[in-house]
C-alpha atoms as a PDB file:
ATOM      1  CA  MET A   1    -102.787-174.593-294.165  1.00  0.00           C
ATOM      2  CA  ALA A   2    -104.490-171.087-295.246  1.00  0.00           C
ATOM      3  CA  VAL A   3    -105.711-168.990-292.674  1.00  0.00           C
ATOM      4  CA  SER A   4    -108.096-166.221-293.262  1.00  0.00           C
ATOM      5  CA  GLY A   5    -108.115-162.719-291.875  1.00  0.00           C
ATOM      6  CA  LYS A   6    -108.037-159.298-292.101  1.00  0.00           C
ATOM      7  CA  VAL A   7    -105.345-156.464-292.411  1.00  0.00           C
ATOM      8  CA  VAL A   8    -105.049-154.229-289.156  1.00  0.00           C
ATOM      9  CA  HIS A   9    -102.438-152.262-290.266  1.00  0.00           C
ATOM     10  CA  PHE A  10     -99.980-152.108-292.991  1.00  0.00           C
ATOM     11  CA  ASP A  11     -97.415-149.270-293.233  1.00  0.00           C
ATOM     12  CA  THR A  12     -95.894-149.316-296.777  1.00  0.00           C
ATOM     13  CA  ASN A  13     -93.376-146.706-295.968  1.00  0.00           C
ATOM     14  CA  ARG A  14     -91.756-148.769-292.907  1.00  0.00           C
ATOM     15  CA  GLY A  15     -92.471-152.145-294.836  1.00  0.00           C
ATOM     16  CA  PHE A  16     -94.486-154.034-292.504  1.00  0.00           C
ATOM     17  CA  GLY A  17     -97.851-154.866-290.662  1.00  0.00           C
ATOM     18  CA  PHE A  18    -100.441-157.101-288.792  1.00  0.00           C
ATOM     19  CA  LEU A  19    -103.077-159.235-289.928  1.00  0.00           C
ATOM     20  CA  ALA A  20    -106.117-160.410-287.585  1.00  0.00           C
ATOM     21  CA  PRO A  21    -107.060-164.164-287.997  1.00  0.00           C
ATOM     22  CA  ALA A  22    -110.599-164.381-288.555  1.00  0.00           C
ATOM     23  CA  GLU A  23    -110.834-167.364-285.554  1.00  0.00           C
ATOM     24  CA  GLY A  24    -109.489-164.851-283.096  1.00  0.00           C
ATOM     25  CA  GLY A  25    -105.836-165.139-281.093  1.00  0.00           C
ATOM     26  CA  ASP A  26    -102.697-163.016-282.318  1.00  0.00           C
ATOM     27  CA  ASP A  27    -102.263-160.817-284.648  1.00  0.00           C
ATOM     28  CA  VAL A  28     -99.880-162.151-287.402  1.00  0.00           C
ATOM     29  CA  PHE A  29     -96.803-159.929-288.230  1.00  0.00           C
ATOM     30  CA  LEU A  30     -96.527-159.232-292.031  1.00  0.00           C
ATOM     31  CA  HIS A  31     -93.460-158.105-293.416  1.00  0.00           C
ATOM     32  CA  VAL A  32     -93.315-156.672-297.332  1.00  0.00           C
ATOM     33  CA  ASN A  33     -90.254-159.149-298.164  1.00  0.00           C
ATOM     34  CA  ASP A  34     -93.196-161.716-297.640  1.00  0.00           C
ATOM     35  CA  VAL A  35     -95.800-160.069-299.784  1.00  0.00           C
ATOM     36  CA  GLY A  36     -95.989-160.769-303.614  1.00  0.00           C
ATOM     37  CA  ILE A  37     -98.780-158.497-304.485  1.00  0.00           C
ATOM     38  CA  ASP A  38     -99.382-154.720-304.543  1.00  0.00           C
ATOM     39  CA  GLU A  39     -98.434-153.501-300.849  1.00  0.00           C
ATOM     40  CA  ASN A  40    -101.479-150.886-301.591  1.00  0.00           C
ATOM     41  CA  LEU A  41    -104.046-153.584-301.188  1.00  0.00           C
ATOM     42  CA  LEU A  42    -102.982-154.292-297.751  1.00  0.00           C
ATOM     43  CA  ARG A  43    -105.436-151.321-296.602  1.00  0.00           C
ATOM     44  CA  PRO A  44    -106.901-151.649-292.985  1.00  0.00           C
ATOM     45  CA  GLY A  45    -110.301-153.847-293.603  1.00  0.00           C
ATOM     46  CA  ALA A  46    -108.984-155.775-296.376  1.00  0.00           C
ATOM     47  CA  GLU A  47    -109.697-159.699-296.392  1.00  0.00           C
ATOM     48  CA  VAL A  48    -106.875-162.049-296.841  1.00  0.00           C
ATOM     49  CA  GLU A  49    -105.558-165.777-296.978  1.00  0.00           C
ATOM     50  CA  PHE A  50    -102.130-166.420-295.548  1.00  0.00           C
ATOM     51  CA  ASP A  51     -99.517-169.389-294.313  1.00  0.00           C
ATOM     52  CA  VAL A  52     -98.492-168.805-290.748  1.00  0.00           C
ATOM     53  CA  GLU A  53     -95.119-169.371-290.038  1.00  0.00           C
ATOM     54  CA  ASP A  54     -93.988-169.556-286.097  1.00  0.00           C
ATOM     55  CA  THR A  55     -90.566-167.780-285.530  1.00  0.00           C
ATOM     56  CA  ASP A  56     -88.730-167.276-282.456  1.00  0.00           C
ATOM     57  CA  ARG A  57     -89.906-163.837-282.400  1.00  0.00           C
ATOM     58  CA  GLY A  58     -93.780-164.905-283.024  1.00  0.00           C
ATOM     59  CA  SER A  59     -96.081-165.731-285.652  1.00  0.00           C
ATOM     60  CA  LYS A  60     -95.305-164.590-289.067  1.00  0.00           C
ATOM     61  CA  ALA A  61     -97.633-164.323-292.453  1.00  0.00           C
ATOM     62  CA  LEU A  62     -96.362-166.046-295.680  1.00  0.00           C
ATOM     63  CA  ASN A  63     -97.925-166.394-299.211  1.00  0.00           C
ATOM     64  CA  VAL A  64    -100.487-163.357-298.408  1.00  0.00           C
ATOM     65  CA  LYS A  65    -103.369-163.240-300.728  1.00  0.00           C
ATOM     66  CA  VAL A  66    -106.303-160.596-300.849  1.00  0.00           C
ATOM     67  CA  THR A  67    -109.694-162.184-301.482  1.00  0.00           C
ATOM     68  CA  LYS A  68    -111.849-159.061-300.760  1.00  0.00           C
ATOM     69  CA  GLU A  69    -110.418-155.191-300.875  1.00  0.00           C
ATOM     70  CA  ALA A  70    -110.629-152.756-298.106  1.00  0.00           C
ATOM     71  CA  PRO A  71    -114.095-151.197-298.524  1.00  0.00           C
ATOM     72  CA  GLU A  72    -113.270-147.466-299.860  1.00  0.00           C
ATOM     73  CA  GLY A  73    -113.367-144.868-296.789  1.00  0.00           C
ATOM     74  CA  GLU A  74    -110.999-142.234-295.369  1.00  0.00           C
ATOM     75  CA  SER A  75    -107.649-142.877-294.653  1.00  0.00           C
ATOM     76  CA  PRO A  76    -106.356-145.533-292.484  1.00  0.00           C
ATOM     77  CA  ALA A  77    -105.249-142.369-289.958  1.00  0.00           C
ATOM     78  CA  ALA A  78    -108.629-140.985-290.078  1.00  0.00           C
ATOM     79  CA  GLU A  79    -110.296-144.587-289.957  1.00  0.00           C
ATOM     80  CA  ARG A  80    -108.114-145.309-286.462  1.00  0.00           C
ATOM     81  CA  ALA A  81    -109.018-142.055-284.802  1.00  0.00           C
ATOM     82  CA  GLN A  82    -112.539-142.690-285.365  1.00  0.00           C
ATOM     83  CA  ARG A  83    -112.327-146.268-283.878  1.00  0.00           C
ATOM     84  CA  ARG A  84    -110.260-144.530-281.057  1.00  0.00           C
ATOM     85  CA  GLU A  85    -113.707-142.044-280.318  1.00  0.00           C
ATOM     86  CA  ASP A  86    -116.471-144.648-280.700  1.00  0.00           C
ATOM     87  CA  THR A  87    -114.483-146.810-277.866  1.00  0.00           C
ATOM     88  CA  ARG A  88    -113.357-144.012-275.765  1.00  0.00           C
ATOM     89  CA  GLY A  89    -114.893-144.729-271.953  1.00  0.00           C
ATOM     90  CA  ARG A  90    -115.131-148.314-272.319  1.00  0.00           C
ATOM     91  CA  PHE A  91    -112.140-148.975-270.105  1.00  0.00           C
ATOM     92  CA  GLY A  92    -112.602-146.453-267.454  1.00  0.00           C
ATOM     93  CA  ASP A  93    -112.267-142.558-267.371  1.00  0.00           C
ATOM     94  CA  ARG A  94    -108.976-141.216-266.050  1.00  0.00           C
ATOM     95  CA  ASN A  95    -110.797-139.892-263.186  1.00  0.00           C
ATOM     96  CA  GLU A  96    -112.183-142.818-262.109  1.00  0.00           C
ATOM     97  CA  ARG A  97    -108.681-145.127-261.864  1.00  0.00           C
ATOM     98  CA  HIS A  98    -106.393-144.913-258.855  1.00  0.00           C
ATOM     99  CA  ASP A  99    -103.372-143.237-258.840  1.00  0.00           C
ATOM    100  CA  ARG A 100    -101.692-145.157-256.498  1.00  0.00           C
ATOM    101  CA  ARG A 101     -98.291-146.611-257.391  1.00  0.00           C
ATOM    102  CA  ASP A 102     -98.046-150.530-257.751  1.00  0.00           C
ATOM    103  CA  ASP A 103     -94.621-151.480-256.268  1.00  0.00           C
ATOM    104  CA  ARG A 104     -94.698-154.887-256.634  1.00  0.00           C
ATOM    105  CA  ARG A 105     -92.548-156.458-258.689  1.00  0.00           C
ATOM    106  CA  ARG A 106     -93.710-158.350-262.000  1.00  0.00           C
ATOM    107  CA  ASP A 107     -92.969-161.518-260.763  1.00  0.00           C
ATOM    108  CA  ASP A 108     -95.877-160.571-257.943  1.00  0.00           C
ATOM    109  CA  ARG A 109     -98.136-159.919-260.664  1.00  0.00           C
ATOM    110  CA  GLY A 110     -99.480-162.996-260.938  1.00  0.00           C
ATOM    111  CA  PRO A 111    -100.259-165.175-263.952  1.00  0.00           C
ATOM    112  CA  ARG A 112     -99.297-163.367-267.142  1.00  0.00           C
ATOM    113  CA  ARG A 113    -102.078-163.309-269.674  1.00  0.00           C
ATOM    114  CA  GLY A 114    -101.722-164.532-273.175  1.00  0.00           C
ATOM    115  CA  ARG A 115    -100.344-162.593-275.868  1.00  0.00           C
ATOM    116  CA  GLY A 116    -103.746-161.778-277.605  1.00  0.00           C
ATOM    117  CA  GLY A 117    -106.533-159.600-276.075  1.00  0.00           C
ATOM    118  CA  GLY A 118    -108.662-159.325-278.882  1.00  0.00           C
ATOM    119  CA  ARG A 119    -109.778-155.846-279.332  1.00  0.00           C
ATOM    120  CA  LEU A 120    -108.126-154.576-277.106  1.00  0.00           C
ATOM    121  CA  SER A 121    -105.025-155.697-278.448  1.00  0.00           C
ATOM    122  CA  ASN A 122    -105.616-154.312-281.597  1.00  0.00           C
ATOM    123  CA  GLU A 123    -106.875-150.937-280.876  1.00  0.00           C
ATOM    124  CA  ILE A 124    -103.115-150.652-278.454  1.00  0.00           C
ATOM    125  CA  THR A 125    -101.529-151.856-281.400  1.00  0.00           C
ATOM    126  CA  GLU A 126    -103.052-149.200-284.071  1.00  0.00           C
ATOM    127  CA  LEU A 127    -102.599-146.150-281.250  1.00  0.00           C
ATOM    128  CA  LEU A 128     -98.405-147.379-280.964  1.00  0.00           C
ATOM    129  CA  LEU A 129     -98.331-147.238-284.772  1.00  0.00           C
ATOM    130  CA  GLU A 130    -100.182-144.028-284.693  1.00  0.00           C
ATOM    131  CA  ALA A 131     -98.523-142.589-281.810  1.00  0.00           C
ATOM    132  CA  ALA A 132     -94.870-143.682-282.402  1.00  0.00           C
ATOM    133  CA  PRO A 133     -94.343-144.760-286.173  1.00  0.00           C
ATOM    134  CA  ASP A 134     -90.577-145.575-285.097  1.00  0.00           C
ATOM    135  CA  LEU A 135     -91.572-148.053-283.035  1.00  0.00           C
ATOM    136  CA  THR A 136     -90.130-151.601-284.000  1.00  0.00           C
ATOM    137  CA  ALA A 137     -92.697-154.833-284.079  1.00  0.00           C
ATOM    138  CA  ARG A 138     -90.543-156.460-280.971  1.00  0.00           C
ATOM    139  CA  GLN A 139     -91.427-153.061-279.482  1.00  0.00           C
ATOM    140  CA  ILE A 140     -94.689-152.707-280.461  1.00  0.00           C
ATOM    141  CA  LEU A 141     -95.385-156.261-278.977  1.00  0.00           C
ATOM    142  CA  ALA A 142     -93.291-155.912-275.692  1.00  0.00           C
ATOM    143  CA  VAL A 143     -95.576-152.354-275.102  1.00  0.00           C
ATOM    144  CA  ARG A 144     -98.712-154.168-275.826  1.00  0.00           C
ATOM    145  CA  ALA A 145     -98.128-157.162-273.448  1.00  0.00           C
ATOM    146  CA  GLY A 146     -97.225-154.935-270.759  1.00  0.00           C
ATOM    147  CA  ILE A 147    -100.373-152.844-271.314  1.00  0.00           C
ATOM    148  CA  LEU A 148    -102.503-155.879-271.491  1.00  0.00           C
ATOM    149  CA  ASP A 149    -100.816-157.298-268.048  1.00  0.00           C
ATOM    150  CA  LEU A 150    -101.475-154.500-266.495  1.00  0.00           C
ATOM    151  CA  ALA A 151    -105.277-153.914-267.696  1.00  0.00           C
ATOM    152  CA  ALA A 152    -105.880-157.643-266.934  1.00  0.00           C
ATOM    153  CA  GLN A 153    -104.082-157.029-263.097  1.00  0.00           C
ATOM    154  CA  ARG A 154    -106.150-153.629-262.561  1.00  0.00           C
ATOM    155  CA  GLY A 155    -109.649-155.709-263.595  1.00  0.00           C
ATOM    156  CA  TRP A 156    -109.545-153.009-266.817  1.00  0.00           C
ATOM    157  CA  SER A 157    -110.525-155.786-269.196  1.00  0.00           C
ATOM    158  CA  GLU A 158    -111.568-159.015-269.088  1.00  0.00           C
END
């Protein structure tokens, strides 16, 4: 069954990226080996249709088709920087946060949040990709899940 969505990020040098389903939920991993189209069309914001395969590592996109090219604009890095600037301060300033260390074990933190997180999840992914381009998809997902758990525990997000 085809799913509609948009390209969140695709790194042509590293050969992978993420797609955001239009109906929401977790981003879907995309690998260059599963793309039968010009990779340069996979710019952030491009509308796509794709099939989803559940794997032991998470969801993976297959049979990707671009239905509407991304609007012309600045480079993807400049677009990410602008989105970060636009949302700066939405989750509280550093000065407002408590610097107390939480020594509780992970098991004591309460129920773990889902791997989604919507817009915050996407922003974290983009920041990680820009700040540390050598991270693997597994590392990105693990760091993002930890940040989302911490944000939920501290009440920084919904």
